[in-house]
Amino acid sequence: PYTTLFRSNPAPVGGAATPPASAIGSGSGTNITLTGQVGSIVKWQFSTDGNNWSDIASTANPLPTGALTQTTEYRAVVQSGVCPTSASSVAIVNVSSLVAPTLSGVQKVSATSIMLTFNGPPSQTYKVLATTDVEQSLSSWSVLTNGAFGTGPETFTDTNATDAARFYRITSP
């Protein structure tokens, strides 16, 4: 007597692709996470018009988007064994236009320290720049720090403010 054994794979389920926030500032990036899928991610895809999809040769979960400058949609393509593939739900990352940061406070902390307080849209990136010559081109200013805005005001303390005249600028991105 002969016995035939076979193994069947469960049908793939695309799952749900979601970004941690529905909107980010232009020039920022985020991660897209896939949950509830049955099968393995074989690739990710993105679209900026909702119709034409381009492949991303990554199976990472979460998927880092890199810096975005326009609203972009993402989906994962999942496969289980030899079954046909299944696409996940679409994750939409809305990209808002850059908003100029606002400086809301300057406080002398000590003889050599100045604290800056500034605001901007959550997730939008920023740089704090300084110079002793305000006439210099922006590319000549020193970058003191960079980061991304949270939900409240940001602060930066320059502990090397020893110059008689020191100018600051907050830029995005």
N, C-alpha and C. Protein backbone atom coordinates (compact mmCIF):
# COMPACT_ATOMS: atom_id res chain seq x y z
N PRO A 1 0.82 -1.18 0.00
CA PRO A 1 0.00 0.00 0.00
C PRO A 1 0.88 1.25 0.00
N TYR A 2 0.43 2.21 -0.74
CA TYR A 2 1.11 3.49 -0.82
C TYR A 2 0.29 4.55 -0.12
N THR A 3 0.99 5.47 0.54
CA THR A 3 0.32 6.59 1.20
C THR A 3 0.84 7.87 0.57
N THR A 4 -0.06 8.73 0.18
CA THR A 4 0.34 10.01 -0.38
C THR A 4 0.07 11.09 0.66
N LEU A 5 1.10 11.85 0.95
CA LEU A 5 0.96 12.96 1.88
C LEU A 5 1.09 14.26 1.10
N PHE A 6 0.32 15.21 1.46
CA PHE A 6 0.49 16.53 0.87
C PHE A 6 0.23 17.58 1.93
N ARG A 7 0.83 18.72 1.69
CA ARG A 7 0.69 19.82 2.64
C ARG A 7 0.05 20.98 1.90
N SER A 8 -0.96 21.54 2.49
CA SER A 8 -1.58 22.71 1.87
C SER A 8 -1.20 23.95 2.66
N ASN A 9 -1.06 25.05 1.95
CA ASN A 9 -0.75 26.32 2.58
C ASN A 9 -2.03 27.10 2.79
N PRO A 10 -2.10 27.83 3.88
CA PRO A 10 -3.30 28.66 4.07
C PRO A 10 -3.33 29.76 3.01
N ALA A 11 -4.51 30.16 2.64
CA ALA A 11 -4.65 31.25 1.67
C ALA A 11 -4.04 32.52 2.26
N PRO A 12 -3.32 33.29 1.45
CA PRO A 12 -2.70 34.51 1.98
C PRO A 12 -3.76 35.56 2.31
N VAL A 13 -3.48 36.34 3.34
CA VAL A 13 -4.32 37.47 3.72
C VAL A 13 -3.38 38.67 3.77
N GLY A 14 -3.71 39.71 3.04
CA GLY A 14 -2.84 40.88 2.92
C GLY A 14 -2.60 41.62 4.21
N GLY A 15 -3.57 41.65 5.11
CA GLY A 15 -3.39 42.35 6.37
C GLY A 15 -3.64 43.85 6.24
N ALA A 16 -3.26 44.57 7.28
CA ALA A 16 -3.49 46.02 7.34
C ALA A 16 -2.15 46.75 7.42
N ALA A 17 -1.92 47.65 6.48
CA ALA A 17 -0.73 48.49 6.48
C ALA A 17 -1.11 49.84 7.11
N THR A 18 -0.34 50.27 8.11
CA THR A 18 -0.66 51.52 8.78
C THR A 18 0.59 52.32 9.10
N PRO A 19 0.51 53.65 8.92
CA PRO A 19 1.59 54.53 9.38
C PRO A 19 1.31 54.94 10.83
N PRO A 20 2.33 55.34 11.61
CA PRO A 20 2.08 55.75 12.99
C PRO A 20 1.32 57.07 13.09
N ALA A 21 1.40 57.91 12.05
CA ALA A 21 0.67 59.18 12.02
C ALA A 21 0.11 59.35 10.62
N SER A 22 -1.04 59.99 10.51
CA SER A 22 -1.66 60.14 9.19
C SER A 22 -1.06 61.28 8.40
N ALA A 23 -0.29 62.16 9.03
CA ALA A 23 0.33 63.27 8.31
C ALA A 23 1.72 63.54 8.87
N ILE A 24 2.63 63.88 7.96
CA ILE A 24 4.00 64.26 8.34
C ILE A 24 4.36 65.51 7.57
N GLY A 25 5.38 66.20 8.01
CA GLY A 25 5.86 67.37 7.31
C GLY A 25 6.71 66.98 6.11
N SER A 26 6.70 67.81 5.09
CA SER A 26 7.50 67.56 3.90
C SER A 26 8.97 67.43 4.29
N GLY A 27 9.64 66.45 3.69
CA GLY A 27 11.04 66.20 4.00
C GLY A 27 11.23 65.21 5.14
N SER A 28 10.15 64.82 5.79
CA SER A 28 10.22 63.85 6.89
C SER A 28 9.88 62.46 6.36
N GLY A 29 10.13 61.47 7.15
CA GLY A 29 9.78 60.10 6.80
C GLY A 29 9.05 59.44 7.95
N THR A 30 8.60 58.23 7.73
CA THR A 30 7.90 57.48 8.76
C THR A 30 8.10 56.00 8.48
N ASN A 31 7.46 55.15 9.25
CA ASN A 31 7.50 53.70 9.04
C ASN A 31 6.09 53.20 8.79
N ILE A 32 5.93 52.26 7.87
CA ILE A 32 4.66 51.61 7.61
C ILE A 32 4.74 50.21 8.20
N THR A 33 3.76 49.86 9.03
CA THR A 33 3.76 48.56 9.69
C THR A 33 2.62 47.70 9.15
N LEU A 34 2.90 46.44 8.89
CA LEU A 34 1.91 45.48 8.42
C LEU A 34 1.53 44.56 9.57
N THR A 35 0.21 44.43 9.81
CA THR A 35 -0.28 43.52 10.86
C THR A 35 -1.43 42.69 10.29
N GLY A 36 -1.68 41.55 10.90
CA GLY A 36 -2.83 40.71 10.54
C GLY A 36 -2.67 39.94 9.24
N GLN A 37 -1.48 39.88 8.70
CA GLN A 37 -1.28 39.16 7.44
C GLN A 37 -1.12 37.67 7.69
N VAL A 38 -1.47 36.89 6.67
CA VAL A 38 -1.20 35.46 6.66
C VAL A 38 -0.30 35.23 5.47
N GLY A 39 0.92 34.79 5.73
CA GLY A 39 1.91 34.62 4.68
C GLY A 39 3.07 35.58 4.91
N SER A 40 3.96 35.62 3.95
CA SER A 40 5.16 36.45 4.06
C SER A 40 5.09 37.62 3.09
N ILE A 41 5.69 38.72 3.50
CA ILE A 41 5.78 39.88 2.61
C ILE A 41 6.78 39.54 1.51
N VAL A 42 6.36 39.65 0.26
CA VAL A 42 7.28 39.41 -0.86
C VAL A 42 7.79 40.72 -1.43
N LYS A 43 7.05 41.82 -1.21
CA LYS A 43 7.50 43.14 -1.60
C LYS A 43 6.51 44.18 -1.08
N TRP A 44 6.94 45.41 -1.08
CA TRP A 44 6.07 46.55 -0.79
C TRP A 44 5.88 47.31 -2.09
N GLN A 45 4.83 48.11 -2.15
CA GLN A 45 4.58 48.95 -3.31
C GLN A 45 4.16 50.34 -2.83
N PHE A 46 4.42 51.36 -3.69
CA PHE A 46 3.98 52.70 -3.37
C PHE A 46 3.35 53.35 -4.59
N SER A 47 2.51 54.35 -4.34
CA SER A 47 1.86 55.10 -5.41
C SER A 47 1.66 56.54 -4.95
N THR A 48 1.84 57.48 -5.86
CA THR A 48 1.56 58.87 -5.54
C THR A 48 0.28 59.36 -6.21
N ASP A 49 -0.35 58.48 -7.00
CA ASP A 49 -1.62 58.86 -7.65
C ASP A 49 -2.76 57.89 -7.35
N GLY A 50 -2.48 56.82 -6.60
CA GLY A 50 -3.51 55.84 -6.25
C GLY A 50 -3.82 54.83 -7.33
N ASN A 51 -3.20 54.97 -8.51
CA ASN A 51 -3.47 54.05 -9.62
C ASN A 51 -2.24 53.28 -10.08
N ASN A 52 -1.14 53.97 -10.18
CA ASN A 52 0.09 53.35 -10.68
C ASN A 52 0.97 52.99 -9.49
N TRP A 53 1.24 51.69 -9.36
CA TRP A 53 2.01 51.18 -8.23
C TRP A 53 3.41 50.81 -8.67
N SER A 54 4.40 51.22 -7.88
CA SER A 54 5.80 50.89 -8.13
C SER A 54 6.29 49.97 -7.03
N ASP A 55 7.10 48.98 -7.41
CA ASP A 55 7.61 48.01 -6.44
C ASP A 55 8.74 48.59 -5.62
N ILE A 56 8.79 48.17 -4.37
CA ILE A 56 9.90 48.44 -3.47
C ILE A 56 10.49 47.07 -3.13
N ALA A 57 11.74 46.89 -3.40
CA ALA A 57 12.36 45.58 -3.21
C ALA A 57 12.75 45.38 -1.75
N SER A 58 11.80 45.53 -0.86
CA SER A 58 12.05 45.33 0.55
C SER A 58 10.94 44.46 1.14
N THR A 59 11.34 43.61 2.07
CA THR A 59 10.36 42.80 2.80
C THR A 59 10.36 43.18 4.28
N ALA A 60 10.99 44.31 4.61
CA ALA A 60 11.09 44.76 6.00
C ALA A 60 9.70 45.09 6.57
N ASN A 61 9.55 44.80 7.83
CA ASN A 61 8.32 45.17 8.54
C ASN A 61 8.71 45.60 9.95
N PRO A 62 8.66 46.90 10.25
CA PRO A 62 8.07 47.98 9.46
C PRO A 62 8.98 48.43 8.31
N LEU A 63 8.34 49.09 7.34
CA LEU A 63 9.05 49.61 6.16
C LEU A 63 9.33 51.09 6.37
N PRO A 64 10.62 51.52 6.37
CA PRO A 64 10.91 52.94 6.44
C PRO A 64 10.65 53.60 5.07
N THR A 65 9.94 54.73 5.08
CA THR A 65 9.58 55.39 3.82
C THR A 65 10.69 56.25 3.25
N GLY A 66 11.60 56.71 4.09
CA GLY A 66 12.55 57.72 3.65
C GLY A 66 11.84 59.07 3.62
N ALA A 67 12.55 60.11 3.23
CA ALA A 67 11.99 61.47 3.21
C ALA A 67 10.95 61.58 2.10
N LEU A 68 9.77 62.09 2.46
CA LEU A 68 8.68 62.25 1.49
C LEU A 68 8.40 63.73 1.25
N THR A 69 8.05 64.06 0.02
CA THR A 69 7.70 65.44 -0.31
C THR A 69 6.28 65.57 -0.85
N GLN A 70 5.60 64.44 -1.00
CA GLN A 70 4.21 64.46 -1.44
C GLN A 70 3.46 63.29 -0.82
N THR A 71 2.14 63.41 -0.77
CA THR A 71 1.31 62.35 -0.21
C THR A 71 1.56 61.05 -0.98
N THR A 72 1.78 59.97 -0.24
CA THR A 72 2.16 58.70 -0.85
C THR A 72 1.38 57.56 -0.19
N GLU A 73 0.96 56.60 -1.01
CA GLU A 73 0.24 55.42 -0.53
C GLU A 73 1.17 54.22 -0.57
N TYR A 74 1.01 53.33 0.41
CA TYR A 74 1.83 52.12 0.51
C TYR A 74 0.94 50.91 0.71
N ARG A 75 1.38 49.78 0.19
CA ARG A 75 0.72 48.50 0.45
C ARG A 75 1.78 47.40 0.38
N ALA A 76 1.50 46.31 1.07
CA ALA A 76 2.38 45.14 1.05
C ALA A 76 1.76 44.08 0.17
N VAL A 77 2.59 43.28 -0.47
CA VAL A 77 2.14 42.12 -1.24
C VAL A 77 2.61 40.89 -0.48
N VAL A 78 1.64 40.03 -0.13
CA VAL A 78 1.88 38.88 0.74
C VAL A 78 1.61 37.59 -0.02
N GLN A 79 2.41 36.56 0.26
CA GLN A 79 2.20 35.25 -0.37
C GLN A 79 2.37 34.16 0.67
N SER A 80 1.56 33.12 0.55
CA SER A 80 1.63 31.96 1.43
C SER A 80 1.94 30.75 0.56
N GLY A 81 3.14 30.21 0.71
CA GLY A 81 3.53 29.04 -0.09
C GLY A 81 3.46 29.32 -1.57
N VAL A 82 2.74 28.45 -2.30
CA VAL A 82 2.62 28.61 -3.75
C VAL A 82 1.29 29.27 -4.14
N CYS A 83 0.54 29.71 -3.14
CA CYS A 83 -0.75 30.36 -3.41
C CYS A 83 -0.52 31.70 -4.10
N PRO A 84 -1.53 32.20 -4.81
CA PRO A 84 -1.41 33.53 -5.41
C PRO A 84 -1.21 34.60 -4.32
N THR A 85 -0.66 35.75 -4.71
CA THR A 85 -0.40 36.82 -3.75
C THR A 85 -1.67 37.56 -3.38
N SER A 86 -1.59 38.29 -2.28
CA SER A 86 -2.70 39.11 -1.80
C SER A 86 -2.12 40.45 -1.35
N ALA A 87 -2.81 41.55 -1.69
CA ALA A 87 -2.34 42.88 -1.30
C ALA A 87 -2.98 43.30 0.02
N SER A 88 -2.23 44.03 0.82
CA SER A 88 -2.74 44.55 2.09
C SER A 88 -3.64 45.75 1.83
N SER A 89 -4.22 46.25 2.90
CA SER A 89 -4.93 47.52 2.81
C SER A 89 -3.90 48.61 2.47
N VAL A 90 -4.38 49.75 2.03
CA VAL A 90 -3.50 50.85 1.63
C VAL A 90 -3.28 51.80 2.81
N ALA A 91 -2.02 52.10 3.08
CA ALA A 91 -1.66 53.08 4.11
C ALA A 91 -1.36 54.39 3.40
N ILE A 92 -2.07 55.44 3.77
CA ILE A 92 -1.86 56.75 3.14
C ILE A 92 -1.07 57.63 4.10
N VAL A 93 0.06 58.15 3.61
CA VAL A 93 0.86 59.09 4.39
C VAL A 93 0.68 60.46 3.74
N ASN A 94 -0.09 61.31 4.41
CA ASN A 94 -0.31 62.67 3.91
C ASN A 94 0.90 63.51 4.27
N VAL A 95 1.40 64.25 3.28
CA VAL A 95 2.57 65.09 3.49
C VAL A 95 2.11 66.54 3.42
N SER A 96 2.31 67.24 4.52
CA SER A 96 1.91 68.64 4.56
C SER A 96 3.06 69.52 4.10
N SER A 97 2.71 70.68 3.62
CA SER A 97 3.73 71.63 3.19
C SER A 97 4.56 72.05 4.39
N LEU A 98 5.77 72.45 4.10
CA LEU A 98 6.62 72.93 5.18
C LEU A 98 6.05 74.20 5.79
N VAL A 99 6.10 74.27 7.08
CA VAL A 99 5.69 75.47 7.80
C VAL A 99 6.93 76.03 8.48
N ALA A 100 7.16 77.32 8.31
CA ALA A 100 8.34 77.94 8.91
C ALA A 100 8.27 77.82 10.43
N PRO A 101 9.35 77.37 11.06
CA PRO A 101 9.37 77.31 12.52
C PRO A 101 9.28 78.73 13.10
N THR A 102 8.76 78.82 14.30
CA THR A 102 8.67 80.12 14.96
C THR A 102 9.49 80.10 16.24
N LEU A 103 10.29 81.14 16.41
CA LEU A 103 11.08 81.30 17.62
C LEU A 103 10.20 81.99 18.64
N SER A 104 9.98 81.35 19.78
CA SER A 104 9.07 81.92 20.78
C SER A 104 9.78 82.43 22.02
N GLY A 105 11.08 82.16 22.14
CA GLY A 105 11.79 82.65 23.31
C GLY A 105 13.28 82.51 23.22
N VAL A 106 13.99 83.49 23.80
CA VAL A 106 15.45 83.46 23.92
C VAL A 106 15.75 83.86 25.36
N GLN A 107 16.49 83.01 26.06
CA GLN A 107 16.78 83.27 27.47
C GLN A 107 18.26 83.05 27.73
N LYS A 108 18.89 84.03 28.38
CA LYS A 108 20.28 83.87 28.78
C LYS A 108 20.30 83.03 30.06
N VAL A 109 20.95 81.87 29.99
CA VAL A 109 20.98 80.94 31.12
C VAL A 109 22.19 81.21 31.99
N SER A 110 23.32 81.53 31.37
CA SER A 110 24.55 81.84 32.09
C SER A 110 25.39 82.74 31.20
N ALA A 111 26.60 83.05 31.63
CA ALA A 111 27.47 83.93 30.84
C ALA A 111 27.79 83.32 29.48
N THR A 112 27.74 82.00 29.37
CA THR A 112 28.09 81.35 28.10
C THR A 112 26.98 80.48 27.53
N SER A 113 25.76 80.58 28.08
CA SER A 113 24.66 79.72 27.62
C SER A 113 23.42 80.54 27.29
N ILE A 114 22.85 80.22 26.13
CA ILE A 114 21.59 80.83 25.67
C ILE A 114 20.63 79.70 25.35
N MET A 115 19.38 79.81 25.85
CA MET A 115 18.36 78.80 25.55
C MET A 115 17.35 79.39 24.57
N LEU A 116 17.13 78.65 23.46
CA LEU A 116 16.15 79.02 22.45
C LEU A 116 14.92 78.14 22.62
N THR A 117 13.74 78.70 22.47
CA THR A 117 12.49 77.95 22.48
C THR A 117 11.79 78.23 21.16
N PHE A 118 11.35 77.16 20.46
CA PHE A 118 10.77 77.33 19.13
C PHE A 118 9.73 76.25 18.87
N ASN A 119 8.86 76.52 17.90
CA ASN A 119 7.74 75.63 17.59
C ASN A 119 7.69 75.33 16.10
N GLY A 120 7.03 74.22 15.77
CA GLY A 120 6.77 73.83 14.40
C GLY A 120 5.81 72.67 14.38
N PRO A 121 5.35 72.26 13.20
CA PRO A 121 4.39 71.15 13.10
C PRO A 121 5.01 69.82 13.54
N PRO A 122 4.24 68.98 14.25
CA PRO A 122 4.76 67.68 14.68
C PRO A 122 5.34 66.88 13.50
N SER A 123 6.46 66.26 13.73
CA SER A 123 7.20 65.41 12.78
C SER A 123 8.02 66.18 11.76
N GLN A 124 7.78 67.48 11.61
CA GLN A 124 8.59 68.25 10.65
C GLN A 124 10.00 68.39 11.23
N THR A 125 11.02 68.23 10.37
CA THR A 125 12.39 68.31 10.84
C THR A 125 12.84 69.77 10.93
N TYR A 126 13.86 70.00 11.74
CA TYR A 126 14.41 71.34 11.90
C TYR A 126 15.91 71.28 12.11
N LYS A 127 16.56 72.43 11.92
CA LYS A 127 17.98 72.62 12.24
C LYS A 127 18.10 73.94 12.99
N VAL A 128 18.98 73.97 13.98
CA VAL A 128 19.33 75.20 14.67
C VAL A 128 20.72 75.59 14.17
N LEU A 129 20.81 76.80 13.61
CA LEU A 129 22.05 77.29 13.02
C LEU A 129 22.53 78.51 13.79
N ALA A 130 23.84 78.78 13.74
CA ALA A 130 24.40 79.96 14.40
C ALA A 130 25.55 80.52 13.57
N THR A 131 25.76 81.82 13.72
CA THR A 131 26.89 82.50 13.08
C THR A 131 27.21 83.76 13.87
N THR A 132 28.41 84.28 13.64
CA THR A 132 28.77 85.57 14.22
C THR A 132 28.68 86.67 13.17
N ASP A 133 28.43 86.29 11.92
CA ASP A 133 28.30 87.26 10.82
C ASP A 133 26.99 87.00 10.09
N VAL A 134 25.97 87.80 10.38
CA VAL A 134 24.64 87.60 9.80
C VAL A 134 24.63 87.79 8.28
N GLU A 135 25.67 88.40 7.73
CA GLU A 135 25.75 88.62 6.28
C GLU A 135 26.24 87.38 5.53
N GLN A 136 26.72 86.37 6.24
CA GLN A 136 27.20 85.14 5.60
C GLN A 136 26.05 84.43 4.90
N SER A 137 26.38 83.68 3.84
CA SER A 137 25.35 82.86 3.20
C SER A 137 24.94 81.76 4.18
N LEU A 138 23.72 81.30 4.05
CA LEU A 138 23.18 80.30 4.97
C LEU A 138 24.05 79.04 5.01
N SER A 139 24.67 78.70 3.89
CA SER A 139 25.51 77.49 3.86
C SER A 139 26.76 77.64 4.74
N SER A 140 27.10 78.85 5.14
CA SER A 140 28.27 79.08 6.00
C SER A 140 27.93 79.06 7.48
N TRP A 141 26.65 79.06 7.84
CA TRP A 141 26.26 79.04 9.24
C TRP A 141 26.58 77.66 9.82
N SER A 142 26.89 77.61 11.09
CA SER A 142 27.19 76.34 11.79
C SER A 142 25.89 75.67 12.22
N VAL A 143 25.80 74.36 11.98
CA VAL A 143 24.65 73.58 12.45
C VAL A 143 24.93 73.17 13.88
N LEU A 144 24.09 73.64 14.80
CA LEU A 144 24.27 73.32 16.22
C LEU A 144 23.56 72.03 16.60
N THR A 145 22.39 71.82 16.03
CA THR A 145 21.63 70.59 16.29
C THR A 145 20.56 70.45 15.22
N ASN A 146 20.00 69.26 15.12
CA ASN A 146 18.83 69.04 14.26
C ASN A 146 17.93 68.03 14.94
N GLY A 147 16.70 68.00 14.50
CA GLY A 147 15.74 67.09 15.11
C GLY A 147 14.41 67.17 14.41
N ALA A 148 13.38 66.68 15.07
CA ALA A 148 12.01 66.73 14.55
C ALA A 148 11.11 67.27 15.64
N PHE A 149 10.17 68.13 15.25
CA PHE A 149 9.24 68.72 16.21
C PHE A 149 8.35 67.65 16.81
N GLY A 150 8.09 67.78 18.10
CA GLY A 150 7.12 66.94 18.79
C GLY A 150 5.80 67.68 18.86
N THR A 151 5.04 67.40 19.89
CA THR A 151 3.73 68.04 20.02
C THR A 151 3.77 69.35 20.80
N GLY A 152 4.90 69.66 21.40
CA GLY A 152 5.01 70.92 22.15
C GLY A 152 6.23 71.70 21.71
N PRO A 153 6.54 72.77 22.42
CA PRO A 153 7.72 73.56 22.05
C PRO A 153 9.01 72.76 22.21
N GLU A 154 9.96 73.07 21.36
CA GLU A 154 11.30 72.48 21.43
C GLU A 154 12.23 73.51 22.08
N THR A 155 13.27 73.04 22.75
CA THR A 155 14.27 73.94 23.29
C THR A 155 15.65 73.45 22.90
N PHE A 156 16.56 74.41 22.77
CA PHE A 156 17.96 74.09 22.54
C PHE A 156 18.78 75.08 23.34
N THR A 157 19.77 74.58 24.08
CA THR A 157 20.65 75.45 24.85
C THR A 157 22.03 75.43 24.22
N ASP A 158 22.48 76.61 23.77
CA ASP A 158 23.81 76.78 23.23
C ASP A 158 24.73 77.08 24.40
N THR A 159 25.56 76.12 24.77
CA THR A 159 26.45 76.29 25.92
C THR A 159 27.80 76.89 25.52
N ASN A 160 27.90 77.27 24.25
CA ASN A 160 29.15 77.84 23.75
C ASN A 160 28.91 79.25 23.20
N ALA A 161 28.00 79.98 23.80
CA ALA A 161 27.64 81.32 23.34
C ALA A 161 28.60 82.34 23.94
N THR A 162 29.86 82.25 23.55
CA THR A 162 30.89 83.13 24.12
C THR A 162 31.19 84.33 23.24
N ASP A 163 30.64 84.38 22.05
CA ASP A 163 30.89 85.49 21.13
C ASP A 163 30.10 86.73 21.57
N ALA A 164 30.67 87.90 21.27
CA ALA A 164 29.98 89.15 21.60
C ALA A 164 28.68 89.27 20.83
N ALA A 165 28.69 88.82 19.59
CA ALA A 165 27.47 88.83 18.76
C ALA A 165 27.32 87.45 18.14
N ARG A 166 26.21 86.80 18.43
CA ARG A 166 25.94 85.47 17.88
C ARG A 166 24.50 85.47 17.40
N PHE A 167 24.29 85.07 16.17
CA PHE A 167 22.97 85.07 15.56
C PHE A 167 22.51 83.64 15.38
N TYR A 168 21.19 83.43 15.56
CA TYR A 168 20.61 82.08 15.49
C TYR A 168 19.52 82.06 14.42
N ARG A 169 19.34 80.88 13.85
CA ARG A 169 18.29 80.68 12.86
C ARG A 169 17.77 79.26 13.02
N ILE A 170 16.44 79.12 12.96
CA ILE A 170 15.81 77.79 12.99
C ILE A 170 15.28 77.57 11.56
N THR A 171 15.69 76.50 10.92
CA THR A 171 15.24 76.21 9.56
C THR A 171 14.55 74.86 9.50
N SER A 172 13.73 74.67 8.47
CA SER A 172 13.07 73.40 8.22
C SER A 172 13.07 73.16 6.72
N PRO A 173 13.38 72.03 6.23
CA PRO A 173 14.08 70.97 6.91
C PRO A 173 15.54 71.22 6.98
